[in-house]
């Protein structure tokens, strides 16, 4: 009788040991997940700060004039080469205008 009682106690201790091991593994996973979530929060905060800084600096308004300057620079390079370059220049202006319109609608909600 004493031996069967000791066997039951040993079995219960083994079960408790397994349960404790699983709890420790679960805790380690949770710690890993919380660290990962903290990293995501930090990254999101940095991105939000960068977006806010861009909005404050008004950088969006500088994109369109910069694009126009680049296209006009292409015009001076391609000037008087051939009809193909004239067509390419016109298509380039059309595409640049379309891209600028899409960009402005996206950025400024217009």
PDB file of N, CA and C in Angstrom:
ATOM      1  N   UNK A   1       0.816  -1.189   0.000  1.00  0.00           N
ATOM      2  CA  UNK A   1       0.000   0.000   0.000  1.00  0.00           C
ATOM      3  C   UNK A   1       0.864   1.258   0.000  1.00  0.00           C
ATOM      4  N   UNK A   2       1.880   1.259   0.815  1.00  0.00           N
ATOM      5  CA  UNK A   2       2.794   2.401   0.883  1.00  0.00           C
ATOM      6  C   UNK A   2       3.497   2.605  -0.461  1.00  0.00           C
ATOM      7  N   UNK A   3       3.819   1.507  -1.122  1.00  0.00           N
ATOM      8  CA  UNK A   3       4.515   1.598  -2.405  1.00  0.00           C
ATOM      9  C   UNK A   3       3.609   2.192  -3.487  1.00  0.00           C
ATOM     10  N   UNK A   4       2.355   1.814  -3.515  1.00  0.00           N
ATOM     11  CA  UNK A   4       1.429   2.379  -4.507  1.00  0.00           C
ATOM     12  C   UNK A   4       1.193   3.868  -4.244  1.00  0.00           C
ATOM     13  N   UNK A   5       1.185   4.250  -3.003  1.00  0.00           N
ATOM     14  CA  UNK A   5       1.027   5.664  -2.651  1.00  0.00           C
ATOM     15  C   UNK A   5       2.225   6.472  -3.136  1.00  0.00           C
ATOM     16  N   UNK A   6       3.420   5.953  -2.931  1.00  0.00           N
ATOM     17  CA  UNK A   6       4.631   6.627  -3.413  1.00  0.00           C
ATOM     18  C   UNK A   6       4.633   6.718  -4.939  1.00  0.00           C
ATOM     19  N   UNK A   7       4.161   5.666  -5.598  1.00  0.00           N
ATOM     20  CA  UNK A   7       4.095   5.663  -7.059  1.00  0.00           C
ATOM     21  C   UNK A   7       3.144   6.759  -7.553  1.00  0.00           C
ATOM     22  N   UNK A   8       1.993   6.919  -6.908  1.00  0.00           N
ATOM     23  CA  UNK A   8       1.045   7.974  -7.282  1.00  0.00           C
ATOM     24  C   UNK A   8       1.653   9.354  -7.057  1.00  0.00           C
ATOM     25  N   UNK A   9       2.366   9.520  -5.957  1.00  0.00           N
ATOM     26  CA  UNK A   9       3.018  10.813  -5.676  1.00  0.00           C
ATOM     27  C   UNK A   9       4.068  11.107  -6.743  1.00  0.00           C
ATOM     28  N   UNK A  10       4.862  10.099  -7.123  1.00  0.00           N
ATOM     29  CA  UNK A  10       5.874  10.280  -8.168  1.00  0.00           C
ATOM     30  C   UNK A  10       5.215  10.652  -9.496  1.00  0.00           C
ATOM     31  N   UNK A  11       4.116   9.972  -9.824  1.00  0.00           N
ATOM     32  CA  UNK A  11       3.406  10.278 -11.069  1.00  0.00           C
ATOM     33  C   UNK A  11       2.878  11.716 -11.060  1.00  0.00           C
ATOM     34  N   UNK A  12       2.340  12.128  -9.925  1.00  0.00           N
ATOM     35  CA  UNK A  12       1.839  13.498  -9.818  1.00  0.00           C
ATOM     36  C   UNK A  12       2.977  14.507  -9.941  1.00  0.00           C
ATOM     37  N   UNK A  13       4.116  14.195  -9.320  1.00  0.00           N
ATOM     38  CA  UNK A  13       5.274  15.086  -9.441  1.00  0.00           C
ATOM     39  C   UNK A  13       5.761  15.149 -10.887  1.00  0.00           C
ATOM     40  N   UNK A  14       5.750  14.011 -11.585  1.00  0.00           N
ATOM     41  CA  UNK A  14       6.140  14.003 -12.997  1.00  0.00           C
ATOM     42  C   UNK A  14       5.185  14.858 -13.831  1.00  0.00           C
ATOM     43  N   UNK A  15       3.877  14.705 -13.564  1.00  0.00           N
ATOM     44  CA  UNK A  15       2.887  15.512 -14.282  1.00  0.00           C
ATOM     45  C   UNK A  15       3.070  16.999 -14.000  1.00  0.00           C
ATOM     46  N   UNK A  16       3.337  17.328 -12.746  1.00  0.00           N
ATOM     47  CA  UNK A  16       3.571  18.731 -12.389  1.00  0.00           C
ATOM     48  C   UNK A  16       4.833  19.253 -13.057  1.00  0.00           C
ATOM     49  N   UNK A  17       5.860  18.420 -13.138  1.00  0.00           N
ATOM     50  CA  UNK A  17       7.106  18.814 -13.788  1.00  0.00           C
ATOM     51  C   UNK A  17       6.864  19.097 -15.273  1.00  0.00           C
ATOM     52  N   UNK A  18       6.080  18.224 -15.938  1.00  0.00           N
ATOM     53  CA  UNK A  18       5.761  18.438 -17.354  1.00  0.00           C
ATOM     54  C   UNK A  18       4.949  19.721 -17.538  1.00  0.00           C
ATOM     55  N   UNK A  19       3.982  19.923 -16.656  1.00  0.00           N
ATOM     56  CA  UNK A  19       3.154  21.128 -16.749  1.00  0.00           C
ATOM     57  C   UNK A  19       3.992  22.381 -16.532  1.00  0.00           C
ATOM     58  N   UNK A  20       4.904  22.337 -15.563  1.00  0.00           N
ATOM     59  CA  UNK A  20       5.775  23.481 -15.295  1.00  0.00           C
ATOM     60  C   UNK A  20       6.687  23.756 -16.490  1.00  0.00           C
ATOM     61  N   UNK A  21       7.192  22.692 -17.115  1.00  0.00           N
ATOM     62  CA  UNK A  21       8.034  22.854 -18.299  1.00  0.00           C
ATOM     63  C   UNK A  21       7.249  23.525 -19.424  1.00  0.00           C
ATOM     64  N   UNK A  22       6.015  23.099 -19.636  1.00  0.00           N
ATOM     65  CA  UNK A  22       5.173  23.713 -20.666  1.00  0.00           C
ATOM     66  C   UNK A  22       4.883  25.176 -20.346  1.00  0.00           C
ATOM     67  N   UNK A  23       4.648  25.477 -19.073  1.00  0.00           N
ATOM     68  CA  UNK A  23       4.408  26.871 -18.683  1.00  0.00           C
ATOM     69  C   UNK A  23       5.636  27.735 -18.941  1.00  0.00           C
ATOM     70  N   UNK A  24       6.810  27.194 -18.666  1.00  0.00           N
ATOM     71  CA  UNK A  24       8.050  27.946 -18.910  1.00  0.00           C
ATOM     72  C   UNK A  24       8.219  28.200 -20.403  1.00  0.00           C
ATOM     73  N   UNK A  25       7.957  27.182 -21.237  1.00  0.00           N
ATOM     74  CA  UNK A  25       8.049  27.365 -22.691  1.00  0.00           C
ATOM     75  C   UNK A  25       7.050  28.411 -23.175  1.00  0.00           C
ATOM     76  N   UNK A  26       5.845  28.334 -22.648  1.00  0.00           N
ATOM     77  CA  UNK A  26       4.818  29.308 -23.015  1.00  0.00           C
ATOM     78  C   UNK A  26       5.238  30.722 -22.619  1.00  0.00           C
ATOM     79  N   UNK A  27       5.823  30.856 -21.436  1.00  0.00           N
ATOM     80  CA  UNK A  27       6.291  32.160 -20.974  1.00  0.00           C
ATOM     81  C   UNK A  27       7.395  32.693 -21.887  1.00  0.00           C
ATOM     82  N   UNK A  28       8.314  31.812 -22.304  1.00  0.00           N
ATOM     83  CA  UNK A  28       9.387  32.237 -23.209  1.00  0.00           C
ATOM     84  C   UNK A  28       8.818  32.706 -24.543  1.00  0.00           C
ATOM     85  N   UNK A  29       7.821  31.985 -25.058  1.00  0.00           N
ATOM     86  CA  UNK A  29       7.191  32.408 -26.310  1.00  0.00           C
ATOM     87  C   UNK A  29       6.515  33.762 -26.148  1.00  0.00           C
ATOM     88  N   UNK A  30       5.842  33.943 -25.023  1.00  0.00           N
ATOM     89  CA  UNK A  30       5.161  35.222 -24.792  1.00  0.00           C
ATOM     90  C   UNK A  30       6.162  36.366 -24.693  1.00  0.00           C
ATOM     91  N   UNK A  31       7.276  36.130 -24.012  1.00  0.00           N
ATOM     92  CA  UNK A  31       8.309  37.170 -23.905  1.00  0.00           C
ATOM     93  C   UNK A  31       8.834  37.521 -25.293  1.00  0.00           C
ATOM     94  N   UNK A  32       9.065  36.497 -26.120  1.00  0.00           N
ATOM     95  CA  UNK A  32       9.536  36.735 -27.484  1.00  0.00           C
ATOM     96  C   UNK A  32       8.516  37.545 -28.276  1.00  0.00           C
ATOM     97  N   UNK A  33       7.253  37.184 -28.155  1.00  0.00           N
ATOM     98  CA  UNK A  33       6.208  37.919 -28.874  1.00  0.00           C
ATOM     99  C   UNK A  33       6.092  39.363 -28.393  1.00  0.00           C
ATOM    100  N   UNK A  34       6.195  39.572 -27.090  1.00  0.00           N
ATOM    101  CA  UNK A  34       6.114  40.939 -26.570  1.00  0.00           C
ATOM    102  C   UNK A  34       7.302  41.777 -27.038  1.00  0.00           C
ATOM    103  N   UNK A  35       8.481  41.173 -27.100  1.00  0.00           N
ATOM    104  CA  UNK A  35       9.645  41.912 -27.618  1.00  0.00           C
ATOM    105  C   UNK A  35       9.426  42.282 -29.077  1.00  0.00           C
ATOM    106  N   UNK A  36       8.908  41.326 -29.849  1.00  0.00           N
ATOM    107  CA  UNK A  36       8.641  41.587 -31.261  1.00  0.00           C
ATOM    108  C   UNK A  36       7.603  42.697 -31.412  1.00  0.00           C
ATOM    109  N   UNK A  37       6.569  42.661 -30.591  1.00  0.00           N
ATOM    110  CA  UNK A  37       5.549  43.715 -30.643  1.00  0.00           C
ATOM    111  C   UNK A  37       6.146  45.067 -30.276  1.00  0.00           C
ATOM    112  N   UNK A  38       7.053  45.100 -29.302  1.00  0.00           N
ATOM    113  CA  UNK A  38       7.715  46.358 -28.949  1.00  0.00           C
ATOM    114  C   UNK A  38       8.520  46.892 -30.124  1.00  0.00           C
ATOM    115  N   UNK A  39       9.229  45.987 -30.828  1.00  0.00           N
ATOM    116  CA  UNK A  39       9.987  46.416 -32.004  1.00  0.00           C
ATOM    117  C   UNK A  39       9.055  46.968 -33.079  1.00  0.00           C
ATOM    118  N   UNK A  40       7.919  46.301 -33.306  1.00  0.00           N
ATOM    119  CA  UNK A  40       6.955  46.798 -34.281  1.00  0.00           C
ATOM    120  C   UNK A  40       6.443  48.175 -33.875  1.00  0.00           C
ATOM    121  N   UNK A  41       6.160  48.345 -32.594  1.00  0.00           N
ATOM    122  CA  UNK A  41       5.686  49.647 -32.117  1.00  0.00           C
ATOM    123  C   UNK A  41       6.737  50.728 -32.334  1.00  0.00           C
ATOM    124  N   UNK A  42       8.003  50.402 -32.047  1.00  0.00           N
ATOM    125  CA  UNK A  42       9.072  51.382 -32.245  1.00  0.00           C
ATOM    126  C   UNK A  42       9.204  51.750 -33.718  1.00  0.00           C
ATOM    127  N   UNK A  43       9.154  50.738 -34.587  1.00  0.00           N
ATOM    128  CA  UNK A  43       9.262  51.011 -36.021  1.00  0.00           C
ATOM    129  C   UNK A  43       8.090  51.857 -36.504  1.00  0.00           C
ATOM    130  N   UNK A  44       6.902  51.513 -36.054  1.00  0.00           N
ATOM    131  CA  UNK A  44       5.719  52.275 -36.453  1.00  0.00           C
ATOM    132  C   UNK A  44       5.815  53.716 -35.954  1.00  0.00           C
ATOM    133  N   UNK A  45       6.333  53.895 -34.763  1.00  0.00           N
ATOM    134  CA  UNK A  45       6.500  55.244 -34.221  1.00  0.00           C
ATOM    135  C   UNK A  45       7.491  56.051 -35.058  1.00  0.00           C
ATOM    136  N   UNK A  46       8.615  55.401 -35.445  1.00  0.00           N
ATOM    137  CA  UNK A  46       9.601  56.092 -36.282  1.00  0.00           C
ATOM    138  C   UNK A  46       8.999  56.471 -37.634  1.00  0.00           C
ATOM    139  N   UNK A  47       8.233  55.557 -38.216  1.00  0.00           N
ATOM    140  CA  UNK A  47       7.607  55.854 -39.504  1.00  0.00           C
ATOM    141  C   UNK A  47       6.608  56.997 -39.357  1.00  0.00           C
ATOM    142  N   UNK A  48       5.828  56.973 -38.290  1.00  0.00           N
ATOM    143  CA  UNK A  48       4.866  58.058 -38.055  1.00  0.00           C
ATOM    144  C   UNK A  48       5.583  59.387 -37.868  1.00  0.00           C
ATOM    145  N   UNK A  49       6.701  59.371 -37.153  1.00  0.00           N
ATOM    146  CA  UNK A  49       7.479  60.598 -36.969  1.00  0.00           C
ATOM    147  C   UNK A  49       8.005  61.113 -38.301  1.00  0.00           C
ATOM    148  N   UNK A  50       8.495  60.192 -39.148  1.00  0.00           N
ATOM    149  CA  UNK A  50       9.010  60.602 -40.449  1.00  0.00           C
ATOM    150  C   UNK A  50       7.901  61.194 -41.315  1.00  0.00           C
ATOM    151  N   UNK A  51       6.727  60.572 -41.284  1.00  0.00           N
ATOM    152  CA  UNK A  51       5.607  61.093 -42.068  1.00  0.00           C
ATOM    153  C   UNK A  51       5.206  62.473 -41.561  1.00  0.00           C
ATOM    154  N   UNK A  52       5.150  62.627 -40.241  1.00  0.00           N
ATOM    155  CA  UNK A  52       4.794  63.930 -39.670  1.00  0.00           C
ATOM    156  C   UNK A  52       5.827  64.985 -40.050  1.00  0.00           C
ATOM    157  N   UNK A  53       7.101  64.607 -40.037  1.00  0.00           N
ATOM    158  CA  UNK A  53       8.152  65.556 -40.415  1.00  0.00           C
ATOM    159  C   UNK A  53       8.014  65.955 -41.879  1.00  0.00           C
ATOM    160  N   UNK A  54       7.695  64.991 -42.730  1.00  0.00           N
ATOM    161  CA  UNK A  54       7.495  65.315 -44.144  1.00  0.00           C
ATOM    162  C   UNK A  54       6.296  66.235 -44.332  1.00  0.00           C
ATOM    163  N   UNK A  55       5.237  65.968 -43.586  1.00  0.00           N
ATOM    164  CA  UNK A  55       4.058  66.825 -43.697  1.00  0.00           C
ATOM    165  C   UNK A  55       4.359  68.235 -43.211  1.00  0.00           C
ATOM    166  N   UNK A  56       5.139  68.346 -42.134  1.00  0.00           N
ATOM    167  CA  UNK A  56       5.484  69.678 -41.617  1.00  0.00           C
ATOM    168  C   UNK A  56       6.395  70.425 -42.577  1.00  0.00           C
ATOM    169  N   UNK A  57       7.307  69.716 -43.218  1.00  0.00           N
ATOM    170  CA  UNK A  57       8.271  70.399 -44.077  1.00  0.00           C
ATOM    171  C   UNK A  57       7.673  70.809 -45.416  1.00  0.00           C
ATOM    172  N   UNK A  58       6.521  70.243 -45.740  1.00  0.00           N
ATOM    173  CA  UNK A  58       5.909  70.599 -47.014  1.00  0.00           C
ATOM    174  C   UNK A  58       6.651  70.024 -48.198  1.00  0.00           C
ATOM    175  N   UNK A  59       7.308  68.915 -48.008  1.00  0.00           N
ATOM    176  CA  UNK A  59       8.085  68.289 -49.071  1.00  0.00           C
ATOM    177  C   UNK A  59       7.226  67.856 -50.248  1.00  0.00           C
ATOM    178  N   UNK A  60       5.952  67.571 -50.016  1.00  0.00           N
ATOM    179  CA  UNK A  60       5.106  67.130 -51.112  1.00  0.00           C
ATOM    180  C   UNK A  60       4.971  68.219 -52.161  1.00  0.00           C
ATOM    181  N   UNK A  61       4.908  69.448 -51.730  1.00  0.00           N
ATOM    182  CA  UNK A  61       4.752  70.554 -52.667  1.00  0.00           C
ATOM    183  C   UNK A  61       5.998  70.743 -53.519  1.00  0.00           C
ATOM    184  N   UNK A  62       7.151  70.281 -53.036  1.00  0.00           N
ATOM    185  CA  UNK A  62       8.392  70.440 -53.786  1.00  0.00           C
ATOM    186  C   UNK A  62       8.571  69.352 -54.831  1.00  0.00           C
ATOM    187  N   UNK A  63       7.787  68.297 -54.773  1.00  0.00           N
ATOM    188  CA  UNK A  63       7.962  67.188 -55.709  1.00  0.00           C
ATOM    189  C   UNK A  63       7.571  67.595 -57.119  1.00  0.00           C
ATOM    190  N   UNK A  64       6.448  68.257 -57.283  1.00  0.00           N
ATOM    191  CA  UNK A  64       5.968  68.627 -58.612  1.00  0.00           C
ATOM    192  C   UNK A  64       6.921  69.595 -59.325  1.00  0.00           C
ATOM    193  N   UNK A  65       7.387  70.679 -58.695  1.00  0.00           N
ATOM    194  CA  UNK A  65       8.354  71.537 -59.392  1.00  0.00           C
ATOM    195  C   UNK A  65       9.645  70.799 -59.745  1.00  0.00           C
ATOM    196  N   UNK A  66      10.081  69.906 -58.882  1.00  0.00           N
ATOM    197  CA  UNK A  66      11.280  69.130 -59.158  1.00  0.00           C
ATOM    198  C   UNK A  66      11.062  68.248 -60.381  1.00  0.00           C
ATOM    199  N   UNK A  67       9.885  67.657 -60.500  1.00  0.00           N
ATOM    200  CA  UNK A  67       9.558  66.823 -61.649  1.00  0.00           C
ATOM    201  C   UNK A  67       9.536  67.654 -62.922  1.00  0.00           C
ATOM    202  N   UNK A  68       8.972  68.848 -62.850  1.00  0.00           N
ATOM    203  CA  UNK A  68       8.921  69.730 -64.022  1.00  0.00           C
ATOM    204  C   UNK A  68      10.333  70.124 -64.442  1.00  0.00           C
ATOM    205  N   UNK A  69      11.204  70.401 -63.484  1.00  0.00           N
ATOM    206  CA  UNK A  69      12.591  70.745 -63.809  1.00  0.00           C
ATOM    207  C   UNK A  69      13.284  69.595 -64.522  1.00  0.00           C
ATOM    208  N   UNK A  70      13.057  68.381 -64.057  1.00  0.00           N
ATOM    209  CA  UNK A  70      13.693  67.221 -64.692  1.00  0.00           C
ATOM    210  C   UNK A  70      13.182  67.021 -66.113  1.00  0.00           C
ATOM    211  N   UNK A  71      11.882  67.189 -66.308  1.00  0.00           N
ATOM    212  CA  UNK A  71      11.319  67.024 -67.650  1.00  0.00           C
ATOM    213  C   UNK A  71      11.831  68.120 -68.569  1.00  0.00           C
ATOM    214  N   UNK A  72      11.937  69.346 -68.085  1.00  0.00           N
ATOM    215  CA  UNK A  72      12.452  70.427 -68.929  1.00  0.00           C
ATOM    216  C   UNK A  72      13.927  70.213 -69.248  1.00  0.00           C
ATOM    217  N   UNK A  73      14.665  69.595 -68.338  1.00  0.00           N
ATOM    218  CA  UNK A  73      16.057  69.257 -68.630  1.00  0.00           C
ATOM    219  C   UNK A  73      16.118  68.215 -69.737  1.00  0.00           C
ATOM    220  N   UNK A  74      15.195  67.268 -69.732  1.00  0.00           N
ATOM    221  CA  UNK A  74      15.135  66.287 -70.817  1.00  0.00           C
ATOM    222  C   UNK A  74      14.823  66.970 -72.143  1.00  0.00           C
ATOM    223  N   UNK A  75      14.000  67.995 -72.099  1.00  0.00           N
ATOM    224  CA  UNK A  75      13.640  68.710 -73.320  1.00  0.00           C
ATOM    225  C   UNK A  75      14.871  69.359 -73.939  1.00  0.00           C
ATOM    226  N   UNK A  76      15.734  69.957 -73.147  1.00  0.00           N
ATOM    227  CA  UNK A  76      16.919  70.601 -73.706  1.00  0.00           C
ATOM    228  C   UNK A  76      17.896  69.576 -74.255  1.00  0.00           C
ATOM    229  N   UNK A  77      17.951  68.393 -73.663  1.00  0.00           N
ATOM    230  CA  UNK A  77      18.857  67.352 -74.160  1.00  0.00           C
ATOM    231  C   UNK A  77      18.346  66.792 -75.479  1.00  0.00           C
ATOM    232  N   UNK A  78      17.038  66.581 -75.588  1.00  0.00           N
ATOM    233  CA  UNK A  78      16.463  65.951 -76.775  1.00  0.00           C
ATOM    234  C   UNK A  78      16.122  66.946 -77.889  1.00  0.00           C
ATOM    235  N   UNK A  79      16.433  68.202 -77.700  1.00  0.00           N
ATOM    236  CA  UNK A  79      16.042  69.239 -78.658  1.00  0.00           C
ATOM    237  C   UNK A  79      16.695  68.992 -80.019  1.00  0.00           C
ATOM    238  N   UNK A  80      15.883  68.986 -81.083  1.00  0.00           N
ATOM    239  CA  UNK A  80      16.296  68.905 -82.493  1.00  0.00           C
ATOM    240  C   UNK A  80      17.071  67.638 -82.825  1.00  0.00           C
ATOM    241  N   UNK A  81      16.650  66.527 -82.325  1.00  0.00           N
ATOM    242  CA  UNK A  81      17.327  65.284 -82.705  1.00  0.00           C
ATOM    243  C   UNK A  81      16.620  64.615 -83.869  1.00  0.00           C
ATOM    244  N   UNK A  82      15.367  64.268 -83.695  1.00  0.00           N
ATOM    245  CA  UNK A  82      14.604  63.630 -84.766  1.00  0.00           C
ATOM    246  C   UNK A  82      13.138  63.663 -84.388  1.00  0.00           C
ATOM    247  N   UNK A  83      12.258  63.352 -85.323  1.00  0.00           N
ATOM    248  CA  UNK A  83      10.827  63.305 -84.988  1.00  0.00           C
ATOM    249  C   UNK A  83      10.524  62.272 -83.896  1.00  0.00           C
ATOM    250  N   UNK A  84      11.298  61.196 -83.868  1.00  0.00           N
ATOM    251  CA  UNK A  84      11.077  60.190 -82.829  1.00  0.00           C
ATOM    252  C   UNK A  84      11.275  60.802 -81.446  1.00  0.00           C
ATOM    253  N   UNK A  85      12.330  61.600 -81.288  1.00  0.00           N
ATOM    254  CA  UNK A  85      12.589  62.212 -79.989  1.00  0.00           C
ATOM    255  C   UNK A  85      11.518  63.241 -79.636  1.00  0.00           C
ATOM    256  N   UNK A  86      10.983  63.930 -80.658  1.00  0.00           N
ATOM    257  CA  UNK A  86       9.884  64.858 -80.386  1.00  0.00           C
ATOM    258  C   UNK A  86       8.662  64.109 -79.867  1.00  0.00           C
ATOM    259  N   UNK A  87       8.371  62.956 -80.489  1.00  0.00           N
ATOM    260  CA  UNK A  87       7.246  62.144 -80.046  1.00  0.00           C
ATOM    261  C   UNK A  87       7.502  61.604 -78.638  1.00  0.00           C
ATOM    262  N   UNK A  88       8.722  61.132 -78.398  1.00  0.00           N
ATOM    263  CA  UNK A  88       9.068  60.607 -77.071  1.00  0.00           C
ATOM    264  C   UNK A  88       8.975  61.706 -76.016  1.00  0.00           C
ATOM    265  N   UNK A  89       9.393  62.922 -76.408  1.00  0.00           N
ATOM    266  CA  UNK A  89       9.314  64.046 -75.474  1.00  0.00           C
ATOM    267  C   UNK A  89       7.861  64.352 -75.132  1.00  0.00           C
ATOM    268  N   UNK A  90       6.987  64.360 -76.125  1.00  0.00           N
ATOM    269  CA  UNK A  90       5.568  64.632 -75.885  1.00  0.00           C
ATOM    270  C   UNK A  90       4.958  63.549 -75.013  1.00  0.00           C
ATOM    271  N   UNK A  91       5.300  62.304 -75.298  1.00  0.00           N
ATOM    272  CA  UNK A  91       4.784  61.200 -74.478  1.00  0.00           C
ATOM    273  C   UNK A  91       5.322  61.299 -73.056  1.00  0.00           C
ATOM    274  N   UNK A  92       6.571  61.715 -72.938  1.00  0.00           N
ATOM    275  CA  UNK A  92       7.162  61.875 -71.607  1.00  0.00           C
ATOM    276  C   UNK A  92       6.455  62.947 -70.801  1.00  0.00           C
ATOM    277  N   UNK A  93       6.131  64.077 -71.459  1.00  0.00           N
ATOM    278  CA  UNK A  93       5.392  65.135 -70.764  1.00  0.00           C
ATOM    279  C   UNK A  93       4.015  64.643 -70.343  1.00  0.00           C
ATOM    280  N   UNK A  94       3.363  63.895 -71.234  1.00  0.00           N
ATOM    281  CA  UNK A  94       2.031  63.385 -70.915  1.00  0.00           C
ATOM    282  C   UNK A  94       2.097  62.422 -69.730  1.00  0.00           C
ATOM    283  N   UNK A  95       3.086  61.541 -69.753  1.00  0.00           N
ATOM    284  CA  UNK A  95       3.212  60.577 -68.653  1.00  0.00           C
ATOM    285  C   UNK A  95       3.604  61.279 -67.361  1.00  0.00           C
ATOM    286  N   UNK A  96       4.486  62.266 -67.455  1.00  0.00           N
ATOM    287  CA  UNK A  96       4.884  62.996 -66.252  1.00  0.00           C
ATOM    288  C   UNK A  96       3.697  63.759 -65.675  1.00  0.00           C
ATOM    289  N   UNK A  97       2.887  64.346 -66.553  1.00  0.00           N
ATOM    290  CA  UNK A  97       1.699  65.054 -66.082  1.00  0.00           C
ATOM    291  C   UNK A  97       0.709  64.114 -65.425  1.00  0.00           C
ATOM    292  N   UNK A  98       0.515  62.944 -66.040  1.00  0.00           N
ATOM    293  CA  UNK A  98      -0.402  61.959 -65.458  1.00  0.00           C
ATOM    294  C   UNK A  98       0.122  61.467 -64.116  1.00  0.00           C
ATOM    295  N   UNK A  99       1.425  61.209 -64.060  1.00  0.00           N
ATOM    296  CA  UNK A  99       2.014  60.741 -62.799  1.00  0.00           C
ATOM    297  C   UNK A  99       1.894  61.817 -61.720  1.00  0.00           C
ATOM    298  N   UNK A 100       2.133  63.066 -62.091  1.00  0.00           N
ATOM    299  CA  UNK A 100       2.023  64.150 -61.110  1.00  0.00           C
ATOM    300  C   UNK A 100       0.588  64.307 -60.625  1.00  0.00           C
ATOM    301  N   UNK A 101      -0.378  64.146 -61.539  1.00  0.00           N
ATOM    302  CA  UNK A 101      -1.791  64.244 -61.147  1.00  0.00           C
ATOM    303  C   UNK A 101      -2.175  63.134 -60.186  1.00  0.00           C
ATOM    304  N   UNK A 102      -1.769  61.913 -60.516  1.00  0.00           N
ATOM    305  CA  UNK A 102      -2.072  60.771 -59.638  1.00  0.00           C
ATOM    306  C   UNK A 102      -1.407  60.961 -58.284  1.00  0.00           C
ATOM    307  N   UNK A 103      -0.152  61.411 -58.299  1.00  0.00           N
ATOM    308  CA  UNK A 103       0.576  61.626 -57.047  1.00  0.00           C
ATOM    309  C   UNK A 103      -0.111  62.698 -56.200  1.00  0.00           C
ATOM    310  N   UNK A 104      -0.517  63.780 -56.846  1.00  0.00           N
ATOM    311  CA  UNK A 104      -1.169  64.868 -56.104  1.00  0.00           C
ATOM    312  C   UNK A 104      -2.496  64.407 -55.517  1.00  0.00           C
ATOM    313  N   UNK A 105      -3.271  63.638 -56.293  1.00  0.00           N
ATOM    314  CA  UNK A 105      -4.544  63.132 -55.775  1.00  0.00           C
ATOM    315  C   UNK A 105      -4.314  62.206 -54.596  1.00  0.00           C
ATOM    316  N   UNK A 106      -3.295  61.377 -54.706  1.00  0.00           N
ATOM    317  CA  UNK A 106      -2.999  60.436 -53.623  1.00  0.00           C
ATOM    318  C   UNK A 106      -2.522  61.164 -52.370  1.00  0.00           C
ATOM    319  N   UNK A 107      -1.617  62.115 -52.531  1.00  0.00           N
ATOM    320  CA  UNK A 107      -1.015  62.782 -51.372  1.00  0.00           C
ATOM    321  C   UNK A 107      -1.940  63.830 -50.757  1.00  0.00           C
ATOM    322  N   UNK A 108      -2.650  64.551 -51.587  1.00  0.00           N
ATOM    323  CA  UNK A 108      -3.435  65.665 -51.082  1.00  0.00           C
ATOM    324  C   UNK A 108      -4.927  65.368 -51.035  1.00  0.00           C
ATOM    325  N   UNK A 109      -5.306  64.144 -51.398  1.00  0.00           N
ATOM    326  CA  UNK A 109      -6.698  63.729 -51.292  1.00  0.00           C
ATOM    327  C   UNK A 109      -7.633  64.477 -52.219  1.00  0.00           C
ATOM    328  N   UNK A 110      -7.127  64.959 -53.311  1.00  0.00           N
ATOM    329  CA  UNK A 110      -7.955  65.740 -54.214  1.00  0.00           C
ATOM    330  C   UNK A 110      -8.532  64.883 -55.241  1.00  0.00           C
TER     331      UNK A 110
END
